[in-house]
Amino acid sequence: EIKARQASEGLTDGEQDRSEEVWLRIVRLMELRQREFHDKKHDSHESKEHRELREEIQQLHEKLQAHKTKLREDLGLTAKEVKKDPTVNELDERFRTLCEMGGA
């Protein structure tokens, strides 16, 4: 649309390409394309990180539950005794930290 207007004013193609108005439009389009590319790349990267974090949270939760079950069934500990177990406390603290980071 800019070039059509400039052509009607009698400017040659070379003069149109060198005009400030055309250059500003070209620069703006390049910025938009770069931003769009960056956003797509960032979104896919972020979703991959988020997915990996969710998987890690799930694995940690399963490990925590398995350890609690083992303590209750194999060693006959009560729920209060299981809560005092250092391994349970460590796993539970890591689980809570990851949940806060991942928003799970």
C-alpha atoms as a PDB file:
ATOM      1  CA  GLU A   1       0.000   0.000   0.000  1.00  0.00           C
ATOM      2  CA  ILE A   2       2.908   2.346   0.768  1.00  0.00           C
ATOM      3  CA  LYS A   3       4.729   1.374  -2.410  1.00  0.00           C
ATOM      4  CA  ALA A   4       1.557   1.777  -4.481  1.00  0.00           C
ATOM      5  CA  ARG A   5       1.092   5.286  -3.143  1.00  0.00           C
ATOM      6  CA  GLN A   6       4.751   6.133  -3.778  1.00  0.00           C
ATOM      7  CA  ALA A   7       4.550   4.702  -7.321  1.00  0.00           C
ATOM      8  CA  SER A   8       1.565   6.940  -8.018  1.00  0.00           C
ATOM      9  CA  GLU A   9       3.707   9.856  -6.847  1.00  0.00           C
ATOM     10  CA  GLY A  10       6.250   8.912  -9.482  1.00  0.00           C
ATOM     11  CA  LEU A  11       9.001   7.328  -7.366  1.00  0.00           C
ATOM     12  CA  THR A  12      11.027   4.513  -8.921  1.00  0.00           C
ATOM     13  CA  ASP A  13      11.342   1.098  -7.244  1.00  0.00           C
ATOM     14  CA  GLY A  14      14.807   1.946  -5.942  1.00  0.00           C
ATOM     15  CA  GLU A  15      13.617   5.230  -4.468  1.00  0.00           C
ATOM     16  CA  GLN A  16      10.646   3.456  -2.895  1.00  0.00           C
ATOM     17  CA  ASP A  17      12.918   0.838  -1.304  1.00  0.00           C
ATOM     18  CA  ARG A  18      15.158   3.540   0.134  1.00  0.00           C
ATOM     19  CA  SER A  19      12.355   5.636   1.588  1.00  0.00           C
ATOM     20  CA  GLU A  20      12.241   5.873   5.354  1.00  0.00           C
ATOM     21  CA  GLU A  21       8.575   4.895   5.504  1.00  0.00           C
ATOM     22  CA  VAL A  22       9.230   1.585   3.692  1.00  0.00           C
ATOM     23  CA  TRP A  23      12.300   0.845   5.805  1.00  0.00           C
ATOM     24  CA  LEU A  24      10.393   1.450   9.027  1.00  0.00           C
ATOM     25  CA  ARG A  25       7.681  -0.946   7.875  1.00  0.00           C
ATOM     26  CA  ILE A  26      10.260  -3.591   6.898  1.00  0.00           C
ATOM     27  CA  VAL A  27      12.043  -3.281  10.248  1.00  0.00           C
ATOM     28  CA  ARG A  28       8.746  -3.554  12.094  1.00  0.00           C
ATOM     29  CA  LEU A  29       7.764  -6.699  10.152  1.00  0.00           C
ATOM     30  CA  MET A  30      11.151  -8.259  10.878  1.00  0.00           C
ATOM     31  CA  GLU A  31      10.733  -7.525  14.604  1.00  0.00           C
ATOM     32  CA  LEU A  32       7.266  -9.075  14.610  1.00  0.00           C
ATOM     33  CA  ARG A  33       8.481 -12.202  12.822  1.00  0.00           C
ATOM     34  CA  GLN A  34      11.438 -12.537  15.183  1.00  0.00           C
ATOM     35  CA  ARG A  35       9.189 -12.098  18.227  1.00  0.00           C
ATOM     36  CA  GLU A  36       6.716 -14.670  16.884  1.00  0.00           C
ATOM     37  CA  PHE A  37       9.528 -17.162  16.248  1.00  0.00           C
ATOM     38  CA  HIS A  38      10.985 -16.518  19.709  1.00  0.00           C
ATOM     39  CA  ASP A  39       7.580 -16.950  21.380  1.00  0.00           C
ATOM     40  CA  LYS A  40       6.930 -20.255  19.612  1.00  0.00           C
ATOM     41  CA  LYS A  41      10.375 -21.533  20.508  1.00  0.00           C
ATOM     42  CA  HIS A  42      10.049 -20.316  24.097  1.00  0.00           C
ATOM     43  CA  ASP A  43       6.567 -21.835  24.500  1.00  0.00           C
ATOM     44  CA  SER A  44       7.660 -25.266  23.298  1.00  0.00           C
ATOM     45  CA  HIS A  45      10.771 -25.126  25.487  1.00  0.00           C
ATOM     46  CA  GLU A  46       8.762 -24.020  28.484  1.00  0.00           C
ATOM     47  CA  SER A  47       6.127 -26.685  28.019  1.00  0.00           C
ATOM     48  CA  LYS A  48       8.883 -29.303  27.749  1.00  0.00           C
ATOM     49  CA  GLU A  49      10.388 -28.109  31.031  1.00  0.00           C
ATOM     50  CA  HIS A  50       6.953 -28.049  32.626  1.00  0.00           C
ATOM     51  CA  ARG A  51       6.227 -31.571  31.400  1.00  0.00           C
ATOM     52  CA  GLU A  52       9.566 -32.845  32.754  1.00  0.00           C
ATOM     53  CA  LEU A  53       8.892 -31.178  36.097  1.00  0.00           C
ATOM     54  CA  ARG A  54       5.454 -32.810  36.302  1.00  0.00           C
ATOM     55  CA  GLU A  55       6.987 -36.204  35.537  1.00  0.00           C
ATOM     56  CA  GLU A  56       9.589 -35.698  38.253  1.00  0.00           C
ATOM     57  CA  ILE A  57       6.872 -34.704  40.728  1.00  0.00           C
ATOM     58  CA  GLN A  58       4.837 -37.792  39.819  1.00  0.00           C
ATOM     59  CA  GLN A  59       7.840 -40.107  40.239  1.00  0.00           C
ATOM     60  CA  LEU A  60       8.739 -38.542  43.571  1.00  0.00           C
ATOM     61  CA  HIS A  61       5.151 -38.890  44.789  1.00  0.00           C
ATOM     62  CA  GLU A  62       5.107 -42.574  43.820  1.00  0.00           C
ATOM     63  CA  LYS A  63       8.445 -43.145  45.546  1.00  0.00           C
ATOM     64  CA  LEU A  64       7.193 -41.403  48.692  1.00  0.00           C
ATOM     65  CA  GLN A  65       3.986 -43.446  48.782  1.00  0.00           C
ATOM     66  CA  ALA A  66       5.881 -46.707  48.166  1.00  0.00           C
ATOM     67  CA  HIS A  67       8.303 -45.928  50.999  1.00  0.00           C
ATOM     68  CA  LYS A  68       5.447 -45.116  53.402  1.00  0.00           C
ATOM     69  CA  THR A  69       3.653 -48.328  52.441  1.00  0.00           C
ATOM     70  CA  LYS A  70       6.845 -50.334  52.969  1.00  0.00           C
ATOM     71  CA  LEU A  71       7.341 -48.839  56.418  1.00  0.00           C
ATOM     72  CA  ARG A  72       3.748 -49.548  57.441  1.00  0.00           C
ATOM     73  CA  GLU A  73       3.466 -53.062  56.029  1.00  0.00           C
ATOM     74  CA  ASP A  74       6.977 -54.480  56.374  1.00  0.00           C
ATOM     75  CA  LEU A  75       8.042 -52.810  59.603  1.00  0.00           C
ATOM     76  CA  GLY A  76       4.581 -52.377  61.133  1.00  0.00           C
ATOM     77  CA  LEU A  77       5.049 -48.684  61.889  1.00  0.00           C
ATOM     78  CA  THR A  78       2.101 -46.437  62.715  1.00  0.00           C
ATOM     79  CA  ALA A  79       1.246 -43.285  60.753  1.00  0.00           C
ATOM     80  CA  LYS A  80       2.906 -41.119  63.441  1.00  0.00           C
ATOM     81  CA  GLU A  81       6.065 -43.200  63.309  1.00  0.00           C
ATOM     82  CA  VAL A  82       6.132 -43.019  59.517  1.00  0.00           C
ATOM     83  CA  LYS A  83       5.945 -39.218  59.673  1.00  0.00           C
ATOM     84  CA  LYS A  84       9.038 -39.192  61.908  1.00  0.00           C
ATOM     85  CA  ASP A  85      11.098 -41.275  59.451  1.00  0.00           C
ATOM     86  CA  PRO A  86      13.973 -39.137  58.058  1.00  0.00           C
ATOM     87  CA  THR A  87      13.639 -40.550  54.535  1.00  0.00           C
ATOM     88  CA  VAL A  88       9.917 -39.760  54.478  1.00  0.00           C
ATOM     89  CA  ASN A  89      10.615 -36.237  55.709  1.00  0.00           C
ATOM     90  CA  GLU A  90      13.294 -35.696  53.064  1.00  0.00           C
ATOM     91  CA  LEU A  91      11.123 -37.029  50.226  1.00  0.00           C
ATOM     92  CA  ASP A  92       8.103 -35.075  51.450  1.00  0.00           C
ATOM     93  CA  GLU A  93      10.092 -31.837  51.622  1.00  0.00           C
ATOM     94  CA  ARG A  94      11.444 -32.335  48.075  1.00  0.00           C
ATOM     95  CA  PHE A  95       7.932 -33.178  46.873  1.00  0.00           C
ATOM     96  CA  ARG A  96       6.472 -30.004  48.391  1.00  0.00           C
ATOM     97  CA  THR A  97       9.278 -27.857  46.947  1.00  0.00           C
ATOM     98  CA  LEU A  98       8.780 -29.267  43.454  1.00  0.00           C
ATOM     99  CA  CYS A  99       5.018 -28.810  43.726  1.00  0.00           C
ATOM    100  CA  GLU A 100       5.500 -25.140  44.614  1.00  0.00           C
ATOM    101  CA  MET A 101       7.841 -24.674  41.645  1.00  0.00           C
ATOM    102  CA  GLY A 102       5.629 -26.554  39.202  1.00  0.00           C
ATOM    103  CA  GLY A 103       2.305 -25.392  40.482  1.00  0.00           C
ATOM    104  CA  ALA A 104       1.108 -28.965  40.841  1.00  0.00           C
END
